Amino acid sequence: MINDLTPMEAAHIVPRSKRGANITSNGLCLCPIHHWAFDRGLWSLDKFLVIKIASTIRNNTNEQANWLDGFHDKKAIFTLKPRISIEALDWYRRNIFLDADDEIAPS
């Protein structure tokens, strides 16, 4: 933060355009680059709040495409106890995240 200015943005887990609530449990505080990648399904958090990178990125040999790869399987770090909706994350992984994975809770 510089002089009370921050580059951080609020990212909706379930987008407003899909009837996502405008509440903190449906949001993540991200830098613009990670917000952009999240909105495009390039990464997600699993139910344990571990970062998952889409296989389309992990399997890509293009340096410009794999800049997210180093985050895969890393535990997300929060400054406060997260109040993230696990249901919203489940919805995100089913509907936006580019990978289907076996950690998705049944609907």
PDB file of N, CA and C in Angstrom:
ATOM      1  N   MET A   1       0.849  -1.166   0.000  1.00  0.00           N
ATOM      2  CA  MET A   1       0.000   0.000   0.000  1.00  0.00           C
ATOM      3  C   MET A   1       0.901   1.238   0.000  1.00  0.00           C
ATOM      4  N   ILE A   2       0.552   2.197  -0.805  1.00  0.00           N
ATOM      5  CA  ILE A   2       1.281   3.457  -0.889  1.00  0.00           C
ATOM      6  C   ILE A   2       0.289   4.592  -0.698  1.00  0.00           C
ATOM      7  N   ASN A   3       0.496   5.399   0.356  1.00  0.00           N
ATOM      8  CA  ASN A   3      -0.403   6.531   0.631  1.00  0.00           C
ATOM      9  C   ASN A   3      -1.878   6.126   0.597  1.00  0.00           C
ATOM     10  N   ASP A   4      -2.222   5.062   1.278  1.00  0.00           N
ATOM     11  CA  ASP A   4      -3.593   4.538   1.336  1.00  0.00           C
ATOM     12  C   ASP A   4      -4.120   4.038  -0.010  1.00  0.00           C
ATOM     13  N   LEU A   5      -3.248   3.830  -0.967  1.00  0.00           N
ATOM     14  CA  LEU A   5      -3.655   3.277  -2.265  1.00  0.00           C
ATOM     15  C   LEU A   5      -3.179   1.834  -2.341  1.00  0.00           C
ATOM     16  N   THR A   6      -3.980   0.993  -2.916  1.00  0.00           N
ATOM     17  CA  THR A   6      -3.601  -0.410  -3.068  1.00  0.00           C
ATOM     18  C   THR A   6      -3.993  -0.907  -4.453  1.00  0.00           C
ATOM     19  N   PRO A   7      -3.196  -1.798  -5.025  1.00  0.00           N
ATOM     20  CA  PRO A   7      -3.572  -2.361  -6.320  1.00  0.00           C
ATOM     21  C   PRO A   7      -4.529  -3.544  -6.180  1.00  0.00           C
ATOM     22  N   MET A   8      -4.865  -3.929  -4.958  1.00  0.00           N
ATOM     23  CA  MET A   8      -5.695  -5.106  -4.741  1.00  0.00           C
ATOM     24  C   MET A   8      -7.133  -4.867  -5.189  1.00  0.00           C
ATOM     25  N   GLU A   9      -7.755  -5.963  -5.651  1.00  0.00           N
ATOM     26  CA  GLU A   9      -9.125  -5.896  -6.146  1.00  0.00           C
ATOM     27  C   GLU A   9      -9.960  -6.983  -5.478  1.00  0.00           C
ATOM     28  N   ALA A  10     -11.248  -6.741  -5.396  1.00  0.00           N
ATOM     29  CA  ALA A  10     -12.181  -7.753  -4.899  1.00  0.00           C
ATOM     30  C   ALA A  10     -12.641  -8.606  -6.073  1.00  0.00           C
ATOM     31  N   ALA A  11     -12.388  -9.894  -5.988  1.00  0.00           N
ATOM     32  CA  ALA A  11     -12.806 -10.836  -7.028  1.00  0.00           C
ATOM     33  C   ALA A  11     -13.950 -11.678  -6.491  1.00  0.00           C
ATOM     34  N   HIS A  12     -15.040 -11.732  -7.237  1.00  0.00           N
ATOM     35  CA  HIS A  12     -16.162 -12.587  -6.845  1.00  0.00           C
ATOM     36  C   HIS A  12     -15.839 -14.032  -7.212  1.00  0.00           C
ATOM     37  N   ILE A  13     -16.128 -14.951  -6.307  1.00  0.00           N
ATOM     38  CA  ILE A  13     -15.949 -16.371  -6.604  1.00  0.00           C
ATOM     39  C   ILE A  13     -17.069 -16.815  -7.541  1.00  0.00           C
ATOM     40  N   VAL A  14     -18.298 -16.612  -7.125  1.00  0.00           N
ATOM     41  CA  VAL A  14     -19.443 -16.785  -8.025  1.00  0.00           C
ATOM     42  C   VAL A  14     -19.721 -15.391  -8.573  1.00  0.00           C
ATOM     43  N   PRO A  15     -19.502 -15.181  -9.865  1.00  0.00           N
ATOM     44  CA  PRO A  15     -19.644 -13.826 -10.428  1.00  0.00           C
ATOM     45  C   PRO A  15     -21.039 -13.234 -10.217  1.00  0.00           C
ATOM     46  N   ARG A  16     -21.091 -11.930 -10.132  1.00  0.00           N
ATOM     47  CA  ARG A  16     -22.369 -11.226 -10.006  1.00  0.00           C
ATOM     48  C   ARG A  16     -23.280 -11.571 -11.185  1.00  0.00           C
ATOM     49  N   SER A  17     -22.687 -11.743 -12.364  1.00  0.00           N
ATOM     50  CA  SER A  17     -23.478 -12.071 -13.556  1.00  0.00           C
ATOM     51  C   SER A  17     -24.133 -13.457 -13.456  1.00  0.00           C
ATOM     52  N   LYS A  18     -23.669 -14.268 -12.511  1.00  0.00           N
ATOM     53  CA  LYS A  18     -24.250 -15.601 -12.281  1.00  0.00           C
ATOM     54  C   LYS A  18     -24.989 -15.640 -10.947  1.00  0.00           C
ATOM     55  N   ARG A  19     -25.433 -14.459 -10.501  1.00  0.00           N
ATOM     56  CA  ARG A  19     -26.190 -14.309  -9.255  1.00  0.00           C
ATOM     57  C   ARG A  19     -25.343 -14.510  -8.001  1.00  0.00           C
ATOM     58  N   GLY A  20     -24.027 -14.280  -8.125  1.00  0.00           N
ATOM     59  CA  GLY A  20     -23.155 -14.357  -6.962  1.00  0.00           C
ATOM     60  C   GLY A  20     -23.420 -13.193  -6.016  1.00  0.00           C
ATOM     61  N   ALA A  21     -23.410 -13.483  -4.737  1.00  0.00           N
ATOM     62  CA  ALA A  21     -23.689 -12.464  -3.727  1.00  0.00           C
ATOM     63  C   ALA A  21     -22.519 -11.495  -3.580  1.00  0.00           C
ATOM     64  N   ASN A  22     -22.855 -10.280  -3.230  1.00  0.00           N
ATOM     65  CA  ASN A  22     -21.867  -9.235  -2.996  1.00  0.00           C
ATOM     66  C   ASN A  22     -21.515  -9.240  -1.504  1.00  0.00           C
ATOM     67  N   ILE A  23     -20.956 -10.373  -1.031  1.00  0.00           N
ATOM     68  CA  ILE A  23     -20.601 -10.541   0.375  1.00  0.00           C
ATOM     69  C   ILE A  23     -19.173 -11.068   0.482  1.00  0.00           C
ATOM     70  N   THR A  24     -18.549 -10.863   1.639  1.00  0.00           N
ATOM     71  CA  THR A  24     -17.139 -11.230   1.785  1.00  0.00           C
ATOM     72  C   THR A  24     -16.877 -12.724   1.604  1.00  0.00           C
ATOM     73  N   SER A  25     -17.817 -13.584   1.966  1.00  0.00           N
ATOM     74  CA  SER A  25     -17.588 -15.022   1.814  1.00  0.00           C
ATOM     75  C   SER A  25     -17.598 -15.468   0.347  1.00  0.00           C
ATOM     76  N   ASN A  26     -18.027 -14.591  -0.553  1.00  0.00           N
ATOM     77  CA  ASN A  26     -18.018 -14.860  -1.990  1.00  0.00           C
ATOM     78  C   ASN A  26     -16.929 -14.044  -2.677  1.00  0.00           C
ATOM     79  N   GLY A  27     -15.881 -13.715  -1.941  1.00  0.00           N
ATOM     80  CA  GLY A  27     -14.853 -12.874  -2.538  1.00  0.00           C
ATOM     81  C   GLY A  27     -13.449 -13.245  -2.123  1.00  0.00           C
ATOM     82  N   LEU A  28     -12.525 -12.834  -2.957  1.00  0.00           N
ATOM     83  CA  LEU A  28     -11.098 -12.952  -2.688  1.00  0.00           C
ATOM     84  C   LEU A  28     -10.464 -11.603  -2.966  1.00  0.00           C
ATOM     85  N   CYS A  29      -9.462 -11.248  -2.207  1.00  0.00           N
ATOM     86  CA  CYS A  29      -8.713 -10.015  -2.437  1.00  0.00           C
ATOM     87  C   CYS A  29      -7.470 -10.388  -3.234  1.00  0.00           C
ATOM     88  N   LEU A  30      -7.410  -9.932  -4.487  1.00  0.00           N
ATOM     89  CA  LEU A  30      -6.350 -10.346  -5.407  1.00  0.00           C
ATOM     90  C   LEU A  30      -5.727  -9.146  -6.102  1.00  0.00           C
ATOM     91  N   CYS A  31      -4.497  -9.328  -6.567  1.00  0.00           N
ATOM     92  CA  CYS A  31      -3.901  -8.314  -7.434  1.00  0.00           C
ATOM     93  C   CYS A  31      -4.594  -8.428  -8.792  1.00  0.00           C
ATOM     94  N   PRO A  32      -4.517  -7.388  -9.628  1.00  0.00           N
ATOM     95  CA  PRO A  32      -5.218  -7.428 -10.923  1.00  0.00           C
ATOM     96  C   PRO A  32      -4.843  -8.615 -11.816  1.00  0.00           C
ATOM     97  N   ILE A  33      -3.598  -9.046 -11.799  1.00  0.00           N
ATOM     98  CA  ILE A  33      -3.170 -10.149 -12.659  1.00  0.00           C
ATOM     99  C   ILE A  33      -3.804 -11.464 -12.209  1.00  0.00           C
ATOM    100  N   HIS A  34      -3.766 -11.722 -10.905  1.00  0.00           N
ATOM    101  CA  HIS A  34      -4.357 -12.963 -10.404  1.00  0.00           C
ATOM    102  C   HIS A  34      -5.886 -12.924 -10.484  1.00  0.00           C
ATOM    103  N   HIS A  35      -6.464 -11.741 -10.363  1.00  0.00           N
ATOM    104  CA  HIS A  35      -7.908 -11.587 -10.547  1.00  0.00           C
ATOM    105  C   HIS A  35      -8.269 -11.955 -11.987  1.00  0.00           C
ATOM    106  N   TRP A  36      -7.531 -11.437 -12.944  1.00  0.00           N
ATOM    107  CA  TRP A  36      -7.755 -11.741 -14.359  1.00  0.00           C
ATOM    108  C   TRP A  36      -7.684 -13.251 -14.595  1.00  0.00           C
ATOM    109  N   ALA A  37      -6.652 -13.899 -14.054  1.00  0.00           N
ATOM    110  CA  ALA A  37      -6.474 -15.343 -14.251  1.00  0.00           C
ATOM    111  C   ALA A  37      -7.587 -16.144 -13.564  1.00  0.00           C
ATOM    112  N   PHE A  38      -8.026 -15.681 -12.393  1.00  0.00           N
ATOM    113  CA  PHE A  38      -9.113 -16.356 -11.674  1.00  0.00           C
ATOM    114  C   PHE A  38     -10.411 -16.260 -12.469  1.00  0.00           C
ATOM    115  N   ASP A  39     -10.714 -15.080 -12.976  1.00  0.00           N
ATOM    116  CA  ASP A  39     -11.942 -14.894 -13.760  1.00  0.00           C
ATOM    117  C   ASP A  39     -11.969 -15.765 -15.011  1.00  0.00           C
ATOM    118  N   ARG A  40     -10.818 -16.158 -15.499  1.00  0.00           N
ATOM    119  CA  ARG A  40     -10.736 -16.974 -16.710  1.00  0.00           C
ATOM    120  C   ARG A  40     -10.576 -18.456 -16.407  1.00  0.00           C
ATOM    121  N   GLY A  41     -10.658 -18.825 -15.132  1.00  0.00           N
ATOM    122  CA  GLY A  41     -10.610 -20.236 -14.759  1.00  0.00           C
ATOM    123  C   GLY A  41      -9.234 -20.854 -14.775  1.00  0.00           C
ATOM    124  N   LEU A  42      -8.186 -20.043 -14.752  1.00  0.00           N
ATOM    125  CA  LEU A  42      -6.831 -20.573 -14.825  1.00  0.00           C
ATOM    126  C   LEU A  42      -6.325 -21.122 -13.499  1.00  0.00           C
ATOM    127  N   TRP A  43      -6.953 -20.722 -12.409  1.00  0.00           N
ATOM    128  CA  TRP A  43      -6.572 -21.263 -11.101  1.00  0.00           C
ATOM    129  C   TRP A  43      -7.778 -21.266 -10.177  1.00  0.00           C
ATOM    130  N   SER A  44      -7.667 -22.058  -9.126  1.00  0.00           N
ATOM    131  CA  SER A  44      -8.747 -22.170  -8.157  1.00  0.00           C
ATOM    132  C   SER A  44      -8.158 -22.491  -6.792  1.00  0.00           C
ATOM    133  N   LEU A  45      -9.028 -22.527  -5.810  1.00  0.00           N
ATOM    134  CA  LEU A  45      -8.689 -23.047  -4.488  1.00  0.00           C
ATOM    135  C   LEU A  45      -9.523 -24.296  -4.277  1.00  0.00           C
ATOM    136  N   ASP A  46      -8.898 -25.339  -3.731  1.00  0.00           N
ATOM    137  CA  ASP A  46      -9.685 -26.526  -3.425  1.00  0.00           C
ATOM    138  C   ASP A  46     -10.353 -26.350  -2.068  1.00  0.00           C
ATOM    139  N   LYS A  47     -11.041 -27.369  -1.586  1.00  0.00           N
ATOM    140  CA  LYS A  47     -11.780 -27.247  -0.333  1.00  0.00           C
ATOM    141  C   LYS A  47     -10.856 -27.102   0.875  1.00  0.00           C
ATOM    142  N   PHE A  48      -9.563 -27.349   0.696  1.00  0.00           N
ATOM    143  CA  PHE A  48      -8.586 -27.173   1.769  1.00  0.00           C
ATOM    144  C   PHE A  48      -7.835 -25.845   1.625  1.00  0.00           C
ATOM    145  N   LEU A  49      -8.283 -25.004   0.684  1.00  0.00           N
ATOM    146  CA  LEU A  49      -7.677 -23.705   0.363  1.00  0.00           C
ATOM    147  C   LEU A  49      -6.248 -23.855  -0.166  1.00  0.00           C
ATOM    148  N   VAL A  50      -6.053 -24.933  -0.918  1.00  0.00           N
ATOM    149  CA  VAL A  50      -4.796 -25.173  -1.629  1.00  0.00           C
ATOM    150  C   VAL A  50      -5.002 -24.707  -3.067  1.00  0.00           C
ATOM    151  N   ILE A  51      -4.013 -24.019  -3.602  1.00  0.00           N
ATOM    152  CA  ILE A  51      -4.097 -23.460  -4.954  1.00  0.00           C
ATOM    153  C   ILE A  51      -3.949 -24.575  -5.988  1.00  0.00           C
ATOM    154  N   LYS A  52      -4.844 -24.565  -6.954  1.00  0.00           N
ATOM    155  CA  LYS A  52      -4.795 -25.505  -8.068  1.00  0.00           C
ATOM    156  C   LYS A  52      -4.707 -24.704  -9.360  1.00  0.00           C
ATOM    157  N   ILE A  53      -3.750 -25.057 -10.186  1.00  0.00           N
ATOM    158  CA  ILE A  53      -3.561 -24.400 -11.483  1.00  0.00           C
ATOM    159  C   ILE A  53      -4.104 -25.327 -12.564  1.00  0.00           C
ATOM    160  N   ALA A  54      -4.838 -24.770 -13.497  1.00  0.00           N
ATOM    161  CA  ALA A  54      -5.442 -25.569 -14.571  1.00  0.00           C
ATOM    162  C   ALA A  54      -4.367 -26.308 -15.364  1.00  0.00           C
ATOM    163  N   SER A  55      -4.678 -27.532 -15.739  1.00  0.00           N
ATOM    164  CA  SER A  55      -3.708 -28.351 -16.471  1.00  0.00           C
ATOM    165  C   SER A  55      -3.317 -27.717 -17.799  1.00  0.00           C
ATOM    166  N   THR A  56      -4.208 -26.922 -18.384  1.00  0.00           N
ATOM    167  CA  THR A  56      -3.862 -26.236 -19.635  1.00  0.00           C
ATOM    168  C   THR A  56      -2.651 -25.318 -19.437  1.00  0.00           C
ATOM    169  N   ILE A  57      -2.473 -24.818 -18.224  1.00  0.00           N
ATOM    170  CA  ILE A  57      -1.304 -23.999 -17.893  1.00  0.00           C
ATOM    171  C   ILE A  57      -0.133 -24.901 -17.502  1.00  0.00           C
ATOM    172  N   ARG A  58      -0.388 -25.883 -16.634  1.00  0.00           N
ATOM    173  CA  ARG A  58       0.686 -26.756 -16.137  1.00  0.00           C
ATOM    174  C   ARG A  58       1.333 -27.557 -17.262  1.00  0.00           C
ATOM    175  N   ASN A  59       0.579 -27.908 -18.286  1.00  0.00           N
ATOM    176  CA  ASN A  59       1.108 -28.731 -19.373  1.00  0.00           C
ATOM    177  C   ASN A  59       1.621 -27.911 -20.554  1.00  0.00           C
ATOM    178  N   ASN A  60       1.639 -26.614 -20.417  1.00  0.00           N
ATOM    179  CA  ASN A  60       2.050 -25.737 -21.511  1.00  0.00           C
ATOM    180  C   ASN A  60       3.541 -25.452 -21.410  1.00  0.00           C
ATOM    181  N   THR A  61       4.251 -25.558 -22.523  1.00  0.00           N
ATOM    182  CA  THR A  61       5.685 -25.301 -22.515  1.00  0.00           C
ATOM    183  C   THR A  61       6.017 -23.835 -22.787  1.00  0.00           C
ATOM    184  N   ASN A  62       5.026 -23.046 -23.127  1.00  0.00           N
ATOM    185  CA  ASN A  62       5.220 -21.624 -23.390  1.00  0.00           C
ATOM    186  C   ASN A  62       5.477 -20.891 -22.074  1.00  0.00           C
ATOM    187  N   GLU A  63       6.621 -20.226 -21.948  1.00  0.00           N
ATOM    188  CA  GLU A  63       6.963 -19.498 -20.717  1.00  0.00           C
ATOM    189  C   GLU A  63       5.892 -18.498 -20.316  1.00  0.00           C
ATOM    190  N   GLN A  64       5.296 -17.840 -21.287  1.00  0.00           N
ATOM    191  CA  GLN A  64       4.279 -16.836 -20.983  1.00  0.00           C
ATOM    192  C   GLN A  64       3.007 -17.469 -20.435  1.00  0.00           C
ATOM    193  N   ALA A  65       2.783 -18.734 -20.727  1.00  0.00           N
ATOM    194  CA  ALA A  65       1.563 -19.395 -20.273  1.00  0.00           C
ATOM    195  C   ALA A  65       1.723 -20.036 -18.902  1.00  0.00           C
ATOM    196  N   ASN A  66       2.954 -20.355 -18.502  1.00  0.00           N
ATOM    197  CA  ASN A  66       3.109 -21.120 -17.272  1.00  0.00           C
ATOM    198  C   ASN A  66       3.581 -20.293 -16.073  1.00  0.00           C
ATOM    199  N   TRP A  67       3.386 -18.998 -16.087  1.00  0.00           N
ATOM    200  CA  TRP A  67       3.817 -18.155 -14.964  1.00  0.00           C
ATOM    201  C   TRP A  67       3.062 -18.487 -13.678  1.00  0.00           C
ATOM    202  N   LEU A  68       1.896 -19.095 -13.778  1.00  0.00           N
ATOM    203  CA  LEU A  68       1.127 -19.481 -12.593  1.00  0.00           C
ATOM    204  C   LEU A  68       1.567 -20.825 -12.017  1.00  0.00           C
ATOM    205  N   ASP A  69       2.264 -21.608 -12.795  1.00  0.00           N
ATOM    206  CA  ASP A  69       2.568 -22.989 -12.440  1.00  0.00           C
ATOM    207  C   ASP A  69       3.238 -23.146 -11.073  1.00  0.00           C
ATOM    208  N   GLY A  70       4.064 -22.217 -10.682  1.00  0.00           N
ATOM    209  CA  GLY A  70       4.770 -22.309  -9.406  1.00  0.00           C
ATOM    210  C   GLY A  70       3.864 -22.263  -8.186  1.00  0.00           C
ATOM    211  N   PHE A  71       2.620 -21.838  -8.369  1.00  0.00           N
ATOM    212  CA  PHE A  71       1.670 -21.775  -7.258  1.00  0.00           C
ATOM    213  C   PHE A  71       0.920 -23.089  -7.035  1.00  0.00           C
ATOM    214  N   HIS A  72       0.989 -23.992  -8.002  1.00  0.00           N
ATOM    215  CA  HIS A  72       0.201 -25.224  -7.931  1.00  0.00           C
ATOM    216  C   HIS A  72       0.531 -26.024  -6.667  1.00  0.00           C
ATOM    217  N   ASP A  73      -0.518 -26.438  -5.970  1.00  0.00           N
ATOM    218  CA  ASP A  73      -0.434 -27.237  -4.743  1.00  0.00           C
ATOM    219  C   ASP A  73       0.165 -26.499  -3.546  1.00  0.00           C
ATOM    220  N   LYS A  74       0.245 -25.186  -3.618  1.00  0.00           N
ATOM    221  CA  LYS A  74       0.699 -24.391  -2.470  1.00  0.00           C
ATOM    222  C   LYS A  74      -0.524 -23.994  -1.647  1.00  0.00           C
ATOM    223  N   LYS A  75      -0.372 -23.998  -0.352  1.00  0.00           N
ATOM    224  CA  LYS A  75      -1.453 -23.575   0.548  1.00  0.00           C
ATOM    225  C   LYS A  75      -1.589 -22.061   0.451  1.00  0.00           C
ATOM    226  N   ALA A  76      -2.813 -21.588   0.247  1.00  0.00           N
ATOM    227  CA  ALA A  76      -3.068 -20.145   0.207  1.00  0.00           C
ATOM    228  C   ALA A  76      -2.828 -19.575   1.609  1.00  0.00           C
ATOM    229  N   ILE A  77      -2.274 -18.389   1.661  1.00  0.00           N
ATOM    230  CA  ILE A  77      -1.977 -17.728   2.930  1.00  0.00           C
ATOM    231  C   ILE A  77      -2.894 -16.530   3.074  1.00  0.00           C
ATOM    232  N   PHE A  78      -3.558 -16.447   4.206  1.00  0.00           N
ATOM    233  CA  PHE A  78      -4.481 -15.358   4.492  1.00  0.00           C
ATOM    234  C   PHE A  78      -3.997 -14.626   5.740  1.00  0.00           C
ATOM    235  N   THR A  79      -4.140 -13.302   5.743  1.00  0.00           N
ATOM    236  CA  THR A  79      -3.726 -12.529   6.914  1.00  0.00           C
ATOM    237  C   THR A  79      -4.721 -12.658   8.058  1.00  0.00           C
ATOM    238  N   LEU A  80      -5.964 -12.932   7.725  1.00  0.00           N
ATOM    239  CA  LEU A  80      -7.013 -13.165   8.715  1.00  0.00           C
ATOM    240  C   LEU A  80      -7.615 -14.534   8.460  1.00  0.00           C
ATOM    241  N   LYS A  81      -8.311 -15.077   9.438  1.00  0.00           N
ATOM    242  CA  LYS A  81      -8.988 -16.350   9.224  1.00  0.00           C
ATOM    243  C   LYS A  81      -9.987 -16.181   8.074  1.00  0.00           C
ATOM    244  N   PRO A  82      -9.814 -16.958   7.009  1.00  0.00           N
ATOM    245  CA  PRO A  82     -10.710 -16.782   5.857  1.00  0.00           C
ATOM    246  C   PRO A  82     -12.144 -17.197   6.168  1.00  0.00           C
ATOM    247  N   ARG A  83     -13.067 -16.439   5.621  1.00  0.00           N
ATOM    248  CA  ARG A  83     -14.489 -16.771   5.720  1.00  0.00           C
ATOM    249  C   ARG A  83     -15.021 -17.063   4.327  1.00  0.00           C
ATOM    250  N   ILE A  84     -14.228 -17.756   3.557  1.00  0.00           N
ATOM    251  CA  ILE A  84     -14.579 -18.062   2.176  1.00  0.00           C
ATOM    252  C   ILE A  84     -15.607 -19.185   2.155  1.00  0.00           C
ATOM    253  N   SER A  85     -16.623 -19.018   1.351  1.00  0.00           N
ATOM    254  CA  SER A  85     -17.664 -20.030   1.209  1.00  0.00           C
ATOM    255  C   SER A  85     -17.125 -21.218   0.415  1.00  0.00           C
ATOM    256  N   ILE A  86     -17.086 -22.377   1.079  1.00  0.00           N
ATOM    257  CA  ILE A  86     -16.663 -23.603   0.401  1.00  0.00           C
ATOM    258  C   ILE A  86     -17.653 -23.950  -0.713  1.00  0.00           C
ATOM    259  N   GLU A  87     -18.938 -23.636  -0.484  1.00  0.00           N
ATOM    260  CA  GLU A  87     -19.953 -23.880  -1.515  1.00  0.00           C
ATOM    261  C   GLU A  87     -19.686 -23.021  -2.753  1.00  0.00           C
ATOM    262  N   ALA A  88     -19.272 -21.763  -2.536  1.00  0.00           N
ATOM    263  CA  ALA A  88     -18.942 -20.889  -3.674  1.00  0.00           C
ATOM    264  C   ALA A  88     -17.736 -21.437  -4.427  1.00  0.00           C
ATOM    265  N   LEU A  89     -16.726 -21.923  -3.694  1.00  0.00           N
ATOM    266  CA  LEU A  89     -15.557 -22.512  -4.354  1.00  0.00           C
ATOM    267  C   LEU A  89     -15.950 -23.768  -5.134  1.00  0.00           C
ATOM    268  N   ASP A  90     -16.831 -24.588  -4.568  1.00  0.00           N
ATOM    269  CA  ASP A  90     -17.310 -25.775  -5.294  1.00  0.00           C
ATOM    270  C   ASP A  90     -17.988 -25.356  -6.593  1.00  0.00           C
ATOM    271  N   TRP A  91     -18.850 -24.332  -6.513  1.00  0.00           N
ATOM    272  CA  TRP A  91     -19.542 -23.828  -7.700  1.00  0.00           C
ATOM    273  C   TRP A  91     -18.520 -23.352  -8.740  1.00  0.00           C
ATOM    274  N   TYR A  92     -17.539 -22.591  -8.273  1.00  0.00           N
ATOM    275  CA  TYR A  92     -16.501 -22.063  -9.174  1.00  0.00           C
ATOM    276  C   TYR A  92     -15.777 -23.210  -9.887  1.00  0.00           C
ATOM    277  N   ARG A  93     -15.364 -24.235  -9.138  1.00  0.00           N
ATOM    278  CA  ARG A  93     -14.623 -25.336  -9.760  1.00  0.00           C
ATOM    279  C   ARG A  93     -15.486 -26.097 -10.763  1.00  0.00           C
ATOM    280  N   ARG A  94     -16.763 -26.222 -10.507  1.00  0.00           N
ATOM    281  CA  ARG A  94     -17.655 -26.913 -11.453  1.00  0.00           C
ATOM    282  C   ARG A  94     -17.965 -26.076 -12.689  1.00  0.00           C
ATOM    283  N   ASN A  95     -18.020 -24.755 -12.536  1.00  0.00           N
ATOM    284  CA  ASN A  95     -18.541 -23.904 -13.603  1.00  0.00           C
ATOM    285  C   ASN A  95     -17.529 -23.001 -14.312  1.00  0.00           C
ATOM    286  N   ILE A  96     -16.415 -22.712 -13.675  1.00  0.00           N
ATOM    287  CA  ILE A  96     -15.467 -21.775 -14.281  1.00  0.00           C
ATOM    288  C   ILE A  96     -14.061 -22.362 -14.414  1.00  0.00           C
ATOM    289  N   PHE A  97     -13.584 -23.031 -13.381  1.00  0.00           N
ATOM    290  CA  PHE A  97     -12.225 -23.587 -13.402  1.00  0.00           C
ATOM    291  C   PHE A  97     -12.087 -24.527 -14.594  1.00  0.00           C
ATOM    292  N   LEU A  98     -10.987 -24.432 -15.305  1.00  0.00           N
ATOM    293  CA  LEU A  98     -10.810 -25.186 -16.540  1.00  0.00           C
ATOM    294  C   LEU A  98     -10.572 -26.673 -16.335  1.00  0.00           C
ATOM    295  N   ASP A  99     -10.277 -27.105 -15.118  1.00  0.00           N
ATOM    296  CA  ASP A  99     -10.050 -28.523 -14.839  1.00  0.00           C
ATOM    297  C   ASP A  99     -11.223 -29.105 -14.064  1.00  0.00           C
ATOM    298  N   ALA A 100     -11.516 -30.339 -14.348  1.00  0.00           N
ATOM    299  CA  ALA A 100     -12.394 -31.100 -13.461  1.00  0.00           C
ATOM    300  C   ALA A 100     -11.432 -31.871 -12.564  1.00  0.00           C
ATOM    301  N   ASP A 101     -11.678 -31.874 -11.294  1.00  0.00           N
ATOM    302  CA  ASP A 101     -10.795 -32.674 -10.442  1.00  0.00           C
ATOM    303  C   ASP A 101     -11.600 -33.423  -9.397  1.00  0.00           C
ATOM    304  N   ASP A 102     -10.985 -34.465  -8.861  1.00  0.00           N
ATOM    305  CA  ASP A 102     -11.724 -35.350  -7.956  1.00  0.00           C
ATOM    306  C   ASP A 102     -11.915 -34.780  -6.563  1.00  0.00           C
ATOM    307  N   GLU A 103     -11.431 -33.565  -6.298  1.00  0.00           N
ATOM    308  CA  GLU A 103     -11.621 -32.967  -4.998  1.00  0.00           C
ATOM    309  C   GLU A 103     -12.917 -32.166  -4.912  1.00  0.00           C
ATOM    310  N   ILE A 104     -13.644 -32.100  -6.001  1.00  0.00           N
ATOM    311  CA  ILE A 104     -14.901 -31.341  -5.996  1.00  0.00           C
ATOM    312  C   ILE A 104     -15.939 -32.109  -5.188  1.00  0.00           C
ATOM    313  N   ALA A 105     -16.536 -31.427  -4.253  1.00  0.00           N
ATOM    314  CA  ALA A 105     -17.577 -32.053  -3.429  1.00  0.00           C
ATOM    315  C   ALA A 105     -18.791 -32.342  -4.298  1.00  0.00           C
ATOM    316  N   PRO A 106     -19.490 -33.438  -4.031  1.00  0.00           N
ATOM    317  CA  PRO A 106     -20.690 -33.716  -4.819  1.00  0.00           C
ATOM    318  C   PRO A 106     -21.745 -32.644  -4.617  1.00  0.00           C
ATOM    319  N   SER A 107     -22.526 -32.408  -5.666  1.00  0.00           N
ATOM    320  CA  SER A 107     -23.577 -31.388  -5.598  1.00  0.00           C
ATOM    321  C   SER A 107     -24.754 -31.867  -4.777  1.00  0.00           C
TER     322      SER A 107
END
